[in-house]
Amino acid sequence: MEIRTEIKLSVTVAEIPVKELDAGNAGDLKVAMAPILESNTKVVVDFNRMQFIDSSGLGVMLSCLRQVSAKGGDLKLCCMTRQVRAAFELVRMHRIFDIFDTREEAVHAFNSK
């Protein structure tokens, strides 16, 4: 899995390239995110393409948050569809992650601290 990244205002934005994140590809996402999280402390994950996420995908996102938090960084999420946002809310992960409607809001949230 190849994740497209770009830097905006010293924040790395990673766009998840799949429509569905489930047990079949969650491991691939974890492997693909590892180098991004190792070399950056301010990361925004853009979900604009994703239509579905299951518990495996949610687990990968928690793992990513732990990895970047261990280095004193933070991970913010943006551009979720209603279905994906509902999955995060169902397991109360919306209380763990900062979730924004747009990429710009997520990036600016890092720089407003």
Protein backbone atom coordinates (compact mmCIF):
# COMPACT_ATOMS: atom_id res chain seq x y z
CA MET A 1 0.00 0.00 0.00
CA GLU A 2 1.42 3.35 -1.01
CA ILE A 3 0.38 6.34 1.07
CA ARG A 4 0.63 9.74 -0.55
CA THR A 5 2.02 12.38 1.80
CA GLU A 6 2.50 16.10 1.65
CA ILE A 7 3.86 18.68 4.07
CA LYS A 8 1.65 21.62 5.02
CA LEU A 9 2.87 24.15 7.58
CA SER A 10 5.36 21.60 9.02
CA VAL A 11 2.59 18.99 9.37
CA THR A 12 2.73 15.72 7.41
CA VAL A 13 -0.60 14.87 5.79
CA ALA A 14 -1.03 11.19 4.89
CA GLU A 15 -3.91 10.22 2.60
CA ILE A 16 -5.24 6.69 3.07
CA PRO A 17 -5.55 5.29 -0.49
CA VAL A 18 -8.27 2.67 0.08
CA LYS A 19 -12.07 2.71 0.15
CA GLU A 20 -12.28 -0.05 2.75
CA LEU A 21 -9.98 -0.66 5.69
CA ASP A 22 -10.57 -4.10 7.15
CA ALA A 23 -8.78 -7.24 8.29
CA GLY A 24 -7.65 -7.89 4.72
CA ASN A 25 -5.54 -4.74 4.39
CA ALA A 26 -5.13 -3.31 7.90
CA GLY A 27 -1.69 -4.91 8.25
CA ASP A 28 -0.59 -3.32 4.99
CA LEU A 29 -1.65 0.10 6.26
CA LYS A 30 0.26 -0.41 9.51
CA VAL A 31 3.43 -1.28 7.57
CA ALA A 32 2.97 1.66 5.19
CA MET A 33 2.37 4.14 8.03
CA ALA A 34 5.38 3.05 10.11
CA PRO A 35 8.06 5.08 8.28
CA ILE A 36 5.79 8.15 8.18
CA LEU A 37 5.23 7.96 11.93
CA GLU A 38 8.91 7.30 12.65
CA SER A 39 10.09 10.42 10.87
CA ASN A 40 7.31 12.88 11.83
CA THR A 41 5.70 14.07 15.05
CA LYS A 42 2.83 16.09 13.56
CA VAL A 43 0.68 13.84 11.38
CA VAL A 44 -2.78 14.28 9.89
CA VAL A 45 -4.46 11.21 8.41
CA ASP A 46 -6.89 12.07 5.63
CA PHE A 47 -9.79 9.61 5.25
CA ASN A 48 -11.44 11.28 2.24
CA ARG A 49 -11.41 8.11 0.09
CA MET A 50 -12.51 5.69 2.81
CA GLN A 51 -16.09 4.45 2.87
CA PHE A 52 -15.76 1.64 5.45
CA ILE A 53 -13.57 0.76 8.43
CA ASP A 54 -13.83 -2.28 10.71
CA SER A 55 -12.30 -3.09 14.10
CA SER A 56 -9.00 -4.12 12.50
CA GLY A 57 -8.72 -0.73 10.84
CA LEU A 58 -9.63 1.04 14.07
CA GLY A 59 -6.94 -0.98 15.84
CA VAL A 60 -4.34 0.14 13.30
CA MET A 61 -5.28 3.77 13.90
CA LEU A 62 -4.83 3.27 17.66
CA SER A 63 -1.45 1.68 17.01
CA CYS A 64 -0.44 4.66 14.85
CA LEU A 65 -1.49 7.08 17.60
CA ARG A 66 0.54 5.15 20.19
CA GLN A 67 3.59 5.13 17.93
CA VAL A 68 3.61 8.87 17.30
CA SER A 69 2.63 9.71 20.90
CA ALA A 70 5.60 7.73 22.20
CA LYS A 71 7.83 10.30 20.47
CA GLY A 72 5.95 13.26 21.90
CA GLY A 73 3.95 13.79 18.73
CA ASP A 74 0.28 13.74 17.85
CA LEU A 75 -2.00 12.32 15.19
CA LYS A 76 -5.14 14.06 13.97
CA LEU A 77 -7.79 12.68 11.61
CA CYS A 78 -9.85 14.43 8.95
CA CYS A 79 -12.32 14.13 6.07
CA MET A 80 -14.32 11.16 7.35
CA THR A 81 -17.56 10.03 5.76
CA ARG A 82 -20.55 9.59 8.05
CA GLN A 83 -20.10 5.80 8.01
CA VAL A 84 -16.44 5.96 9.05
CA ARG A 85 -17.14 8.61 11.70
CA ALA A 86 -19.96 6.41 13.05
CA ALA A 87 -17.52 3.51 13.49
CA PHE A 88 -15.18 5.72 15.53
CA GLU A 89 -18.10 6.97 17.63
CA LEU A 90 -19.51 3.48 18.16
CA VAL A 91 -16.36 2.43 20.04
CA ARG A 92 -15.88 5.92 21.50
CA MET A 93 -12.59 6.48 19.67
CA HIS A 94 -13.78 9.98 18.77
CA ARG A 95 -12.86 10.80 22.38
CA ILE A 96 -9.27 9.62 21.83
CA PHE A 97 -8.60 11.22 18.46
CA ASP A 98 -8.93 14.81 17.34
CA ILE A 99 -11.21 14.54 14.28
CA PHE A 100 -11.73 17.45 11.89
CA ASP A 101 -14.03 18.01 8.94
CA THR A 102 -11.30 19.33 6.65
CA ARG A 103 -7.60 18.83 6.09
CA GLU A 104 -6.98 22.55 6.64
CA GLU A 105 -8.68 22.51 10.07
CA ALA A 106 -6.58 19.53 11.15
CA VAL A 107 -3.32 21.13 10.00
CA HIS A 108 -4.14 24.45 11.63
CA ALA A 109 -5.03 22.69 14.90
CA PHE A 110 -1.33 21.78 15.26
CA ASN A 111 -0.21 25.34 14.67
CA SER A 112 -2.76 26.97 16.96
CA LYS A 113 -1.27 25.43 20.12
